[in-house]
Amino acid sequence: MTENRVHCERLVALIKPNTSRAFRAVIIIALMVTAQAVCAGPPFTTDDPEPVEYKHWEVYLASQLAHDASGWSGTSPQVEVNYGVITNLQLHLIAPIAFVAPAHGSTRFGYGDTELGAKYRFIEETPRCPQIGTFPLVEVPSGDRERRLGSGHVQAFLPLWLQKSAGPWTTYGGGGYWINPGAENRNWWFVGWLLQRQVTAKLALGAEVFHETAQEKGGESDTQFNLGGVFDFSETYHLLASAGHTIQGSSGYQGYIALQFTFGPGK
């Protein structure tokens, strides 16, 4: 057991009475059985603290869509790559082809803003303690701002994520602060939470709710809801999809679909 896990167990023991050894053993076995089946993060907006395993890869060929009164926007496609560089640390890259299709005007395609990040889990999950980590992101302004394919500014996200599993159920969430420079822009907060169930050996379904504060001066906050799932064709190939709608704020809806490839030593 790592030092962080020992600290977490001691902290939980101060709040809750000790459970029997038999009960703790049952929980540990359940978590071990479901650990390989659970998939967190994509296709949802809310993220998780669980990094890719050491020396393993995740590669996504994905598209994101959003629609509101101003028209359509999104990526078609985007490539996401995650790599477990060391234990509990994942490096992250998204390289998108962005598009904007306004309600009145011509559609524009081009390379969008590049996303770089590193996910680090500093507390591992135990029977009574969630895993906890952070996943800071930097948006590099590689897209054309004049064509509305990029922000024109470096943006950064500083989050904290938690996750807990019990049998076929997994729940995770948290939030963070977006640094959003630029004229008329505002820094903003993101908060989200998700509940997911492993329905069969190949299929996991989940639902999330997330809230975003205003990102522009004079803008408004919004709250959105998504339903989604992951279907495992094999240990290597996976299909991910989600869709949802605004439940507070300007009306709109969003969607995500991806083919995921996972591989590494032993796969």
C-alpha atoms as a PDB file:
ATOM      1  CA  MET A   1       0.000   0.000   0.000  1.00  0.00           C
ATOM      2  CA  THR A   2       1.364   3.411  -0.986  1.00  0.00           C
ATOM      3  CA  GLU A   3       1.890   6.258   1.464  1.00  0.00           C
ATOM      4  CA  ASN A   4      -1.072   8.210   0.006  1.00  0.00           C
ATOM      5  CA  ARG A   5      -3.375   5.222   0.439  1.00  0.00           C
ATOM      6  CA  VAL A   6      -2.257   4.812   4.056  1.00  0.00           C
ATOM      7  CA  HIS A   7      -3.024   8.484   4.748  1.00  0.00           C
ATOM      8  CA  CYS A   8      -6.445   8.179   3.133  1.00  0.00           C
ATOM      9  CA  GLU A   9      -7.343   5.039   5.089  1.00  0.00           C
ATOM     10  CA  ARG A  10      -6.389   6.775   8.334  1.00  0.00           C
ATOM     11  CA  LEU A  11      -8.493   9.806   7.425  1.00  0.00           C
ATOM     12  CA  VAL A  12     -11.593   7.733   6.623  1.00  0.00           C
ATOM     13  CA  ALA A  13     -11.126   5.674   9.783  1.00  0.00           C
ATOM     14  CA  LEU A  14     -11.511   8.863  11.807  1.00  0.00           C
ATOM     15  CA  ILE A  15     -14.934   9.547  10.288  1.00  0.00           C
ATOM     16  CA  LYS A  16     -16.461   6.076   9.976  1.00  0.00           C
ATOM     17  CA  PRO A  17     -16.448   3.017  12.259  1.00  0.00           C
ATOM     18  CA  ASN A  18     -14.215   0.120  11.276  1.00  0.00           C
ATOM     19  CA  THR A  19     -15.825  -2.482   9.052  1.00  0.00           C
ATOM     20  CA  SER A  20     -15.280  -6.231   9.431  1.00  0.00           C
ATOM     21  CA  ARG A  21     -12.407  -7.869   7.608  1.00  0.00           C
ATOM     22  CA  ALA A  22     -14.813 -10.076   5.667  1.00  0.00           C
ATOM     23  CA  PHE A  23     -16.830  -7.103   4.423  1.00  0.00           C
ATOM     24  CA  ARG A  24     -13.671  -5.213   3.416  1.00  0.00           C
ATOM     25  CA  ALA A  25     -12.462  -8.297   1.521  1.00  0.00           C
ATOM     26  CA  VAL A  26     -15.727  -8.505  -0.431  1.00  0.00           C
ATOM     27  CA  ILE A  27     -15.424  -4.841  -1.473  1.00  0.00           C
ATOM     28  CA  ILE A  28     -11.790  -5.270  -2.541  1.00  0.00           C
ATOM     29  CA  ILE A  29     -12.649  -8.303  -4.691  1.00  0.00           C
ATOM     30  CA  ALA A  30     -15.569  -6.453  -6.316  1.00  0.00           C
ATOM     31  CA  LEU A  31     -13.353  -3.513  -7.190  1.00  0.00           C
ATOM     32  CA  MET A  32     -10.662  -5.766  -8.639  1.00  0.00           C
ATOM     33  CA  VAL A  33     -13.204  -7.544 -10.809  1.00  0.00           C
ATOM     34  CA  THR A  34     -14.687  -4.331 -12.223  1.00  0.00           C
ATOM     35  CA  ALA A  35     -11.528  -2.251 -12.495  1.00  0.00           C
ATOM     36  CA  GLN A  36     -10.698  -3.407 -16.030  1.00  0.00           C
ATOM     37  CA  ALA A  37     -14.257  -2.952 -17.348  1.00  0.00           C
ATOM     38  CA  VAL A  38     -14.899   0.599 -16.178  1.00  0.00           C
ATOM     39  CA  CYS A  39     -14.140   3.395 -18.631  1.00  0.00           C
ATOM     40  CA  ALA A  40     -14.082   6.986 -17.390  1.00  0.00           C
ATOM     41  CA  GLY A  41     -13.731  10.398 -19.038  1.00  0.00           C
ATOM     42  CA  PRO A  42     -14.747  10.281 -22.745  1.00  0.00           C
ATOM     43  CA  PRO A  43     -17.421  10.256 -24.089  1.00  0.00           C
ATOM     44  CA  PHE A  44     -18.440  12.589 -21.252  1.00  0.00           C
ATOM     45  CA  THR A  45     -17.471  16.202 -20.561  1.00  0.00           C
ATOM     46  CA  THR A  46     -16.871  15.529 -16.865  1.00  0.00           C
ATOM     47  CA  ASP A  47     -13.457  13.945 -16.366  1.00  0.00           C
ATOM     48  CA  ASP A  48     -11.959  11.513 -13.873  1.00  0.00           C
ATOM     49  CA  PRO A  49      -8.652  11.141 -11.954  1.00  0.00           C
ATOM     50  CA  GLU A  50      -7.685   7.755 -13.437  1.00  0.00           C
ATOM     51  CA  PRO A  51      -4.638   7.944 -15.754  1.00  0.00           C
ATOM     52  CA  VAL A  52      -3.745   5.513 -18.498  1.00  0.00           C
ATOM     53  CA  GLU A  53      -1.695   2.576 -17.216  1.00  0.00           C
ATOM     54  CA  TYR A  54       2.105   2.806 -17.381  1.00  0.00           C
ATOM     55  CA  LYS A  55       3.403   2.239 -20.952  1.00  0.00           C
ATOM     56  CA  HIS A  56      -0.164   1.943 -22.302  1.00  0.00           C
ATOM     57  CA  TRP A  57      -1.816   4.054 -25.008  1.00  0.00           C
ATOM     58  CA  GLU A  58      -5.308   5.384 -25.697  1.00  0.00           C
ATOM     59  CA  VAL A  59      -5.984   6.776 -29.178  1.00  0.00           C
ATOM     60  CA  TYR A  60      -9.347   8.279 -30.153  1.00  0.00           C
ATOM     61  CA  LEU A  61     -10.657   9.229 -33.582  1.00  0.00           C
ATOM     62  CA  ALA A  62     -13.577  11.416 -32.523  1.00  0.00           C
ATOM     63  CA  SER A  63     -16.017  14.172 -33.430  1.00  0.00           C
ATOM     64  CA  GLN A  64     -17.755  16.700 -31.164  1.00  0.00           C
ATOM     65  CA  LEU A  65     -20.850  18.649 -32.189  1.00  0.00           C
ATOM     66  CA  ALA A  66     -22.673  21.557 -30.582  1.00  0.00           C
ATOM     67  CA  HIS A  67     -25.761  23.464 -31.736  1.00  0.00           C
ATOM     68  CA  ASP A  68     -27.447  26.621 -30.479  1.00  0.00           C
ATOM     69  CA  ALA A  69     -29.238  29.636 -31.909  1.00  0.00           C
ATOM     70  CA  SER A  70     -26.056  30.806 -33.702  1.00  0.00           C
ATOM     71  CA  GLY A  71     -25.614  27.521 -35.612  1.00  0.00           C
ATOM     72  CA  TRP A  72     -23.326  24.504 -35.494  1.00  0.00           C
ATOM     73  CA  SER A  73     -19.731  24.117 -34.302  1.00  0.00           C
ATOM     74  CA  GLY A  74     -17.407  21.295 -33.354  1.00  0.00           C
ATOM     75  CA  THR A  75     -14.607  19.056 -34.585  1.00  0.00           C
ATOM     76  CA  SER A  76     -14.723  16.669 -37.532  1.00  0.00           C
ATOM     77  CA  PRO A  77     -12.610  14.809 -36.722  1.00  0.00           C
ATOM     78  CA  GLN A  78     -10.204  15.203 -33.815  1.00  0.00           C
ATOM     79  CA  VAL A  79      -7.383  12.876 -32.784  1.00  0.00           C
ATOM     80  CA  GLU A  80      -6.781  12.362 -29.072  1.00  0.00           C
ATOM     81  CA  VAL A  81      -3.728  10.526 -27.732  1.00  0.00           C
ATOM     82  CA  ASN A  82      -3.077   9.581 -24.087  1.00  0.00           C
ATOM     83  CA  TYR A  83       0.055   7.788 -22.878  1.00  0.00           C
ATOM     84  CA  GLY A  84       0.987   6.438 -19.446  1.00  0.00           C
ATOM     85  CA  VAL A  85       4.497   7.856 -19.185  1.00  0.00           C
ATOM     86  CA  ILE A  86       5.054   6.658 -15.597  1.00  0.00           C
ATOM     87  CA  THR A  87       2.838   5.093 -12.943  1.00  0.00           C
ATOM     88  CA  ASN A  88      -0.046   7.484 -12.081  1.00  0.00           C
ATOM     89  CA  LEU A  89       0.967  10.032 -14.765  1.00  0.00           C
ATOM     90  CA  GLN A  90      -0.594  10.364 -18.217  1.00  0.00           C
ATOM     91  CA  LEU A  91       0.374  12.741 -21.015  1.00  0.00           C
ATOM     92  CA  HIS A  92      -2.422  14.043 -23.256  1.00  0.00           C
ATOM     93  CA  LEU A  93      -2.848  15.598 -26.716  1.00  0.00           C
ATOM     94  CA  ILE A  94      -5.860  16.576 -28.834  1.00  0.00           C
ATOM     95  CA  ALA A  95      -5.286  17.691 -32.434  1.00  0.00           C
ATOM     96  CA  PRO A  96      -8.636  18.828 -33.936  1.00  0.00           C
ATOM     97  CA  ILE A  97     -10.015  19.747 -37.331  1.00  0.00           C
ATOM     98  CA  ALA A  98     -12.561  22.393 -36.307  1.00  0.00           C
ATOM     99  CA  PHE A  99     -15.613  23.700 -38.128  1.00  0.00           C
ATOM    100  CA  VAL A 100     -18.148  26.490 -37.709  1.00  0.00           C
ATOM    101  CA  ALA A 101     -21.474  26.470 -39.564  1.00  0.00           C
ATOM    102  CA  PRO A 102     -23.363  29.675 -38.603  1.00  0.00           C
ATOM    103  CA  ALA A 103     -27.103  29.915 -39.069  1.00  0.00           C
ATOM    104  CA  HIS A 104     -26.472  32.767 -41.536  1.00  0.00           C
ATOM    105  CA  GLY A 105     -23.168  32.482 -43.379  1.00  0.00           C
ATOM    106  CA  SER A 106     -20.750  30.022 -44.919  1.00  0.00           C
ATOM    107  CA  THR A 107     -19.281  26.963 -43.223  1.00  0.00           C
ATOM    108  CA  ARG A 108     -15.590  27.169 -42.304  1.00  0.00           C
ATOM    109  CA  PHE A 109     -13.178  24.251 -41.747  1.00  0.00           C
ATOM    110  CA  GLY A 110      -9.593  24.304 -40.534  1.00  0.00           C
ATOM    111  CA  TYR A 111      -7.154  23.205 -37.880  1.00  0.00           C
ATOM    112  CA  GLY A 112      -8.343  24.244 -34.395  1.00  0.00           C
ATOM    113  CA  ASP A 113      -6.668  24.902 -31.063  1.00  0.00           C
ATOM    114  CA  THR A 114      -4.346  22.139 -29.855  1.00  0.00           C
ATOM    115  CA  GLU A 115      -4.953  20.733 -26.358  1.00  0.00           C
ATOM    116  CA  LEU A 116      -2.053  19.558 -24.170  1.00  0.00           C
ATOM    117  CA  GLY A 117      -2.321  18.132 -20.668  1.00  0.00           C
ATOM    118  CA  ALA A 118      -1.014  15.830 -17.961  1.00  0.00           C
ATOM    119  CA  LYS A 119      -3.213  13.764 -15.647  1.00  0.00           C
ATOM    120  CA  TYR A 120      -1.703  12.886 -12.266  1.00  0.00           C
ATOM    121  CA  ARG A 121      -3.370  10.681  -9.639  1.00  0.00           C
ATOM    122  CA  PHE A 122      -1.983  11.443  -6.190  1.00  0.00           C
ATOM    123  CA  ILE A 123      -4.344   9.299  -4.090  1.00  0.00           C
ATOM    124  CA  GLU A 124      -5.269   5.781  -5.233  1.00  0.00           C
ATOM    125  CA  GLU A 125      -8.685   4.256  -4.561  1.00  0.00           C
ATOM    126  CA  THR A 126      -9.211   1.990  -1.547  1.00  0.00           C
ATOM    127  CA  PRO A 127     -12.396   0.304  -0.236  1.00  0.00           C
ATOM    128  CA  ARG A 128     -13.276   3.438   1.757  1.00  0.00           C
ATOM    129  CA  CYS A 129     -11.414   6.204  -0.054  1.00  0.00           C
ATOM    130  CA  PRO A 130     -11.916   7.627  -3.564  1.00  0.00           C
ATOM    131  CA  GLN A 131      -9.041   8.081  -5.928  1.00  0.00           C
ATOM    132  CA  ILE A 132      -8.136  11.735  -6.356  1.00  0.00           C
ATOM    133  CA  GLY A 133      -6.135  13.479  -9.053  1.00  0.00           C
ATOM    134  CA  THR A 134      -5.698  16.527 -11.223  1.00  0.00           C
ATOM    135  CA  PHE A 135      -5.670  17.004 -14.999  1.00  0.00           C
ATOM    136  CA  PRO A 136      -4.393  20.487 -15.940  1.00  0.00           C
ATOM    137  CA  LEU A 137      -4.915  21.394 -19.598  1.00  0.00           C
ATOM    138  CA  VAL A 138      -3.482  24.071 -21.880  1.00  0.00           C
ATOM    139  CA  GLU A 139      -5.238  25.165 -25.068  1.00  0.00           C
ATOM    140  CA  VAL A 140      -2.612  26.333 -27.570  1.00  0.00           C
ATOM    141  CA  PRO A 141      -4.064  28.969 -29.983  1.00  0.00           C
ATOM    142  CA  SER A 142      -3.198  27.129 -33.207  1.00  0.00           C
ATOM    143  CA  GLY A 143      -6.610  27.758 -34.808  1.00  0.00           C
ATOM    144  CA  ASP A 144      -7.496  30.788 -36.948  1.00  0.00           C
ATOM    145  CA  ARG A 145      -9.284  33.249 -34.663  1.00  0.00           C
ATOM    146  CA  GLU A 146     -10.433  35.444 -37.566  1.00  0.00           C
ATOM    147  CA  ARG A 147     -12.343  32.468 -39.007  1.00  0.00           C
ATOM    148  CA  ARG A 148     -13.679  31.531 -35.520  1.00  0.00           C
ATOM    149  CA  LEU A 149     -11.684  28.290 -35.552  1.00  0.00           C
ATOM    150  CA  GLY A 150      -9.618  29.207 -32.493  1.00  0.00           C
ATOM    151  CA  SER A 151      -9.623  31.450 -29.436  1.00  0.00           C
ATOM    152  CA  GLY A 152      -6.515  33.451 -30.321  1.00  0.00           C
ATOM    153  CA  HIS A 153      -5.219  33.130 -26.744  1.00  0.00           C
ATOM    154  CA  VAL A 154      -3.559  30.513 -24.557  1.00  0.00           C
ATOM    155  CA  GLN A 155      -6.184  29.092 -22.192  1.00  0.00           C
ATOM    156  CA  ALA A 156      -5.610  26.869 -19.163  1.00  0.00           C
ATOM    157  CA  PHE A 157      -7.775  24.610 -16.989  1.00  0.00           C
ATOM    158  CA  LEU A 158      -6.884  23.727 -13.381  1.00  0.00           C
ATOM    159  CA  PRO A 159      -9.185  20.952 -12.049  1.00  0.00           C
ATOM    160  CA  LEU A 160      -9.517  18.462  -9.198  1.00  0.00           C
ATOM    161  CA  TRP A 161     -11.230  15.099  -9.872  1.00  0.00           C
ATOM    162  CA  LEU A 162     -12.498  12.270  -7.621  1.00  0.00           C
ATOM    163  CA  GLN A 163     -13.723   8.749  -8.457  1.00  0.00           C
ATOM    164  CA  LYS A 164     -15.226   5.837  -6.502  1.00  0.00           C
ATOM    165  CA  SER A 165     -16.353   2.380  -7.613  1.00  0.00           C
ATOM    166  CA  ALA A 166     -18.630  -0.198  -5.976  1.00  0.00           C
ATOM    167  CA  GLY A 167     -19.560  -3.368  -7.816  1.00  0.00           C
ATOM    168  CA  PRO A 168     -20.795  -2.469 -11.329  1.00  0.00           C
ATOM    169  CA  TRP A 169     -21.208   1.209 -10.377  1.00  0.00           C
ATOM    170  CA  THR A 170     -18.676   4.021 -10.838  1.00  0.00           C
ATOM    171  CA  THR A 171     -19.160   7.669  -9.963  1.00  0.00           C
ATOM    172  CA  TYR A 172     -16.728  10.500 -10.585  1.00  0.00           C
ATOM    173  CA  GLY A 173     -16.559  14.245 -10.935  1.00  0.00           C
ATOM    174  CA  GLY A 174     -15.264  17.491  -9.530  1.00  0.00           C
ATOM    175  CA  GLY A 175     -14.430  20.733 -11.217  1.00  0.00           C
ATOM    176  CA  GLY A 176     -11.929  23.430 -11.916  1.00  0.00           C
ATOM    177  CA  TYR A 177     -11.114  26.936 -13.052  1.00  0.00           C
ATOM    178  CA  TRP A 178     -10.587  28.023 -16.660  1.00  0.00           C
ATOM    179  CA  ILE A 179      -8.168  30.893 -17.302  1.00  0.00           C
ATOM    180  CA  ASN A 180      -9.675  32.571 -20.346  1.00  0.00           C
ATOM    181  CA  PRO A 181      -7.796  35.733 -21.448  1.00  0.00           C
ATOM    182  CA  GLY A 182      -8.898  38.067 -24.206  1.00  0.00           C
ATOM    183  CA  ALA A 183     -11.058  41.137 -24.746  1.00  0.00           C
ATOM    184  CA  GLU A 184     -14.594  40.646 -23.401  1.00  0.00           C
ATOM    185  CA  ASN A 185     -13.661  37.179 -22.062  1.00  0.00           C
ATOM    186  CA  ARG A 186     -14.034  36.065 -18.452  1.00  0.00           C
ATOM    187  CA  ASN A 187     -12.337  33.354 -16.438  1.00  0.00           C
ATOM    188  CA  TRP A 188     -14.915  30.705 -15.592  1.00  0.00           C
ATOM    189  CA  TRP A 189     -15.708  27.646 -13.470  1.00  0.00           C
ATOM    190  CA  PHE A 190     -16.676  24.126 -14.525  1.00  0.00           C
ATOM    191  CA  VAL A 191     -18.354  21.660 -12.118  1.00  0.00           C
ATOM    192  CA  GLY A 192     -19.654  18.231 -13.131  1.00  0.00           C
ATOM    193  CA  TRP A 193     -20.607  14.819 -11.807  1.00  0.00           C
ATOM    194  CA  LEU A 194     -21.350  11.445 -13.435  1.00  0.00           C
ATOM    195  CA  LEU A 195     -22.853   8.079 -12.509  1.00  0.00           C
ATOM    196  CA  GLN A 196     -22.023   5.042 -14.653  1.00  0.00           C
ATOM    197  CA  ARG A 197     -22.960   1.355 -14.576  1.00  0.00           C
ATOM    198  CA  GLN A 198     -21.331  -1.634 -16.238  1.00  0.00           C
ATOM    199  CA  VAL A 199     -24.503  -3.145 -17.728  1.00  0.00           C
ATOM    200  CA  THR A 200     -22.860  -6.138 -19.427  1.00  0.00           C
ATOM    201  CA  ALA A 201     -19.293  -7.352 -19.889  1.00  0.00           C
ATOM    202  CA  LYS A 202     -19.084  -5.203 -23.039  1.00  0.00           C
ATOM    203  CA  LEU A 203     -21.423  -2.258 -22.366  1.00  0.00           C
ATOM    204  CA  ALA A 204     -21.226   0.605 -19.845  1.00  0.00           C
ATOM    205  CA  LEU A 205     -23.894   3.356 -19.670  1.00  0.00           C
ATOM    206  CA  GLY A 206     -23.771   6.636 -17.781  1.00  0.00           C
ATOM    207  CA  ALA A 207     -25.340  10.041 -17.191  1.00  0.00           C
ATOM    208  CA  GLU A 208     -23.733  13.335 -16.236  1.00  0.00           C
ATOM    209  CA  VAL A 209     -24.763  16.833 -15.218  1.00  0.00           C
ATOM    210  CA  PHE A 210     -22.334  19.740 -15.482  1.00  0.00           C
ATOM    211  CA  HIS A 211     -22.448  23.489 -14.929  1.00  0.00           C
ATOM    212  CA  GLU A 212     -20.385  26.267 -16.516  1.00  0.00           C
ATOM    213  CA  THR A 213     -20.279  29.885 -15.371  1.00  0.00           C
ATOM    214  CA  ALA A 214     -20.295  32.737 -17.910  1.00  0.00           C
ATOM    215  CA  GLN A 215     -17.281  32.799 -20.248  1.00  0.00           C
ATOM    216  CA  GLU A 216     -17.812  36.307 -21.639  1.00  0.00           C
ATOM    217  CA  LYS A 217     -18.727  39.672 -20.199  1.00  0.00           C
ATOM    218  CA  GLY A 218     -22.488  39.910 -20.339  1.00  0.00           C
ATOM    219  CA  GLY A 219     -22.722  36.168 -20.980  1.00  0.00           C
ATOM    220  CA  GLU A 220     -24.746  33.674 -18.973  1.00  0.00           C
ATOM    221  CA  SER A 221     -24.045  30.431 -17.179  1.00  0.00           C
ATOM    222  CA  ASP A 222     -25.484  27.122 -18.327  1.00  0.00           C
ATOM    223  CA  THR A 223     -26.193  23.640 -17.000  1.00  0.00           C
ATOM    224  CA  GLN A 224     -26.207  20.620 -19.315  1.00  0.00           C
ATOM    225  CA  PHE A 225     -27.154  16.955 -19.161  1.00  0.00           C
ATOM    226  CA  ASN A 226     -25.641  14.070 -21.134  1.00  0.00           C
ATOM    227  CA  LEU A 227     -26.412  10.375 -21.600  1.00  0.00           C
ATOM    228  CA  GLY A 228     -23.771   8.106 -23.068  1.00  0.00           C
ATOM    229  CA  GLY A 229     -22.039   4.790 -23.166  1.00  0.00           C
ATOM    230  CA  VAL A 230     -19.025   2.704 -24.107  1.00  0.00           C
ATOM    231  CA  PHE A 231     -19.185  -0.563 -26.073  1.00  0.00           C
ATOM    232  CA  ASP A 232     -16.099  -2.801 -26.048  1.00  0.00           C
ATOM    233  CA  PHE A 233     -15.688  -4.764 -29.275  1.00  0.00           C
ATOM    234  CA  SER A 234     -12.474  -6.222 -27.824  1.00  0.00           C
ATOM    235  CA  GLU A 235      -9.613  -5.254 -25.500  1.00  0.00           C
ATOM    236  CA  THR A 236      -8.320  -3.000 -28.305  1.00  0.00           C
ATOM    237  CA  TYR A 237     -11.371  -1.533 -30.071  1.00  0.00           C
ATOM    238  CA  HIS A 238     -14.122   0.475 -28.365  1.00  0.00           C
ATOM    239  CA  LEU A 239     -17.052   2.653 -29.491  1.00  0.00           C
ATOM    240  CA  LEU A 240     -17.940   5.707 -27.363  1.00  0.00           C
ATOM    241  CA  ALA A 241     -20.928   8.038 -27.771  1.00  0.00           C
ATOM    242  CA  SER A 242     -22.918  10.625 -25.807  1.00  0.00           C
ATOM    243  CA  ALA A 243     -25.597  13.242 -26.437  1.00  0.00           C
ATOM    244  CA  GLY A 244     -27.389  15.803 -24.320  1.00  0.00           C
ATOM    245  CA  HIS A 245     -29.210  19.091 -23.976  1.00  0.00           C
ATOM    246  CA  THR A 246     -29.101  22.311 -21.997  1.00  0.00           C
ATOM    247  CA  ILE A 247     -31.328  22.291 -18.920  1.00  0.00           C
ATOM    248  CA  GLN A 248     -30.505  25.847 -17.772  1.00  0.00           C
ATOM    249  CA  GLY A 249     -29.277  28.720 -19.931  1.00  0.00           C
ATOM    250  CA  SER A 250     -29.443  29.299 -23.685  1.00  0.00           C
ATOM    251  CA  SER A 251     -31.061  26.307 -25.377  1.00  0.00           C
ATOM    252  CA  GLY A 252     -28.719  23.982 -27.210  1.00  0.00           C
ATOM    253  CA  TYR A 253     -27.577  20.420 -27.532  1.00  0.00           C
ATOM    254  CA  GLN A 254     -24.299  18.573 -27.966  1.00  0.00           C
ATOM    255  CA  GLY A 255     -22.953  15.196 -29.038  1.00  0.00           C
ATOM    256  CA  TYR A 256     -19.764  13.138 -29.120  1.00  0.00           C
ATOM    257  CA  ILE A 257     -18.783   9.946 -30.944  1.00  0.00           C
ATOM    258  CA  ALA A 258     -15.416   8.179 -31.092  1.00  0.00           C
ATOM    259  CA  LEU A 259     -13.623   5.003 -32.022  1.00  0.00           C
ATOM    260  CA  GLN A 260     -11.054   4.267 -29.320  1.00  0.00           C
ATOM    261  CA  PHE A 261      -7.947   2.100 -29.626  1.00  0.00           C
ATOM    262  CA  THR A 262      -6.207   0.878 -26.449  1.00  0.00           C
ATOM    263  CA  PHE A 263      -2.922  -1.011 -26.452  1.00  0.00           C
ATOM    264  CA  GLY A 264       0.257  -1.585 -24.479  1.00  0.00           C
ATOM    265  CA  PRO A 265       2.424  -4.303 -22.975  1.00  0.00           C
ATOM    266  CA  GLY A 266       0.501  -7.541 -22.675  1.00  0.00           C
ATOM    267  CA  LYS A 267      -2.278  -6.457 -25.077  1.00  0.00           C
END
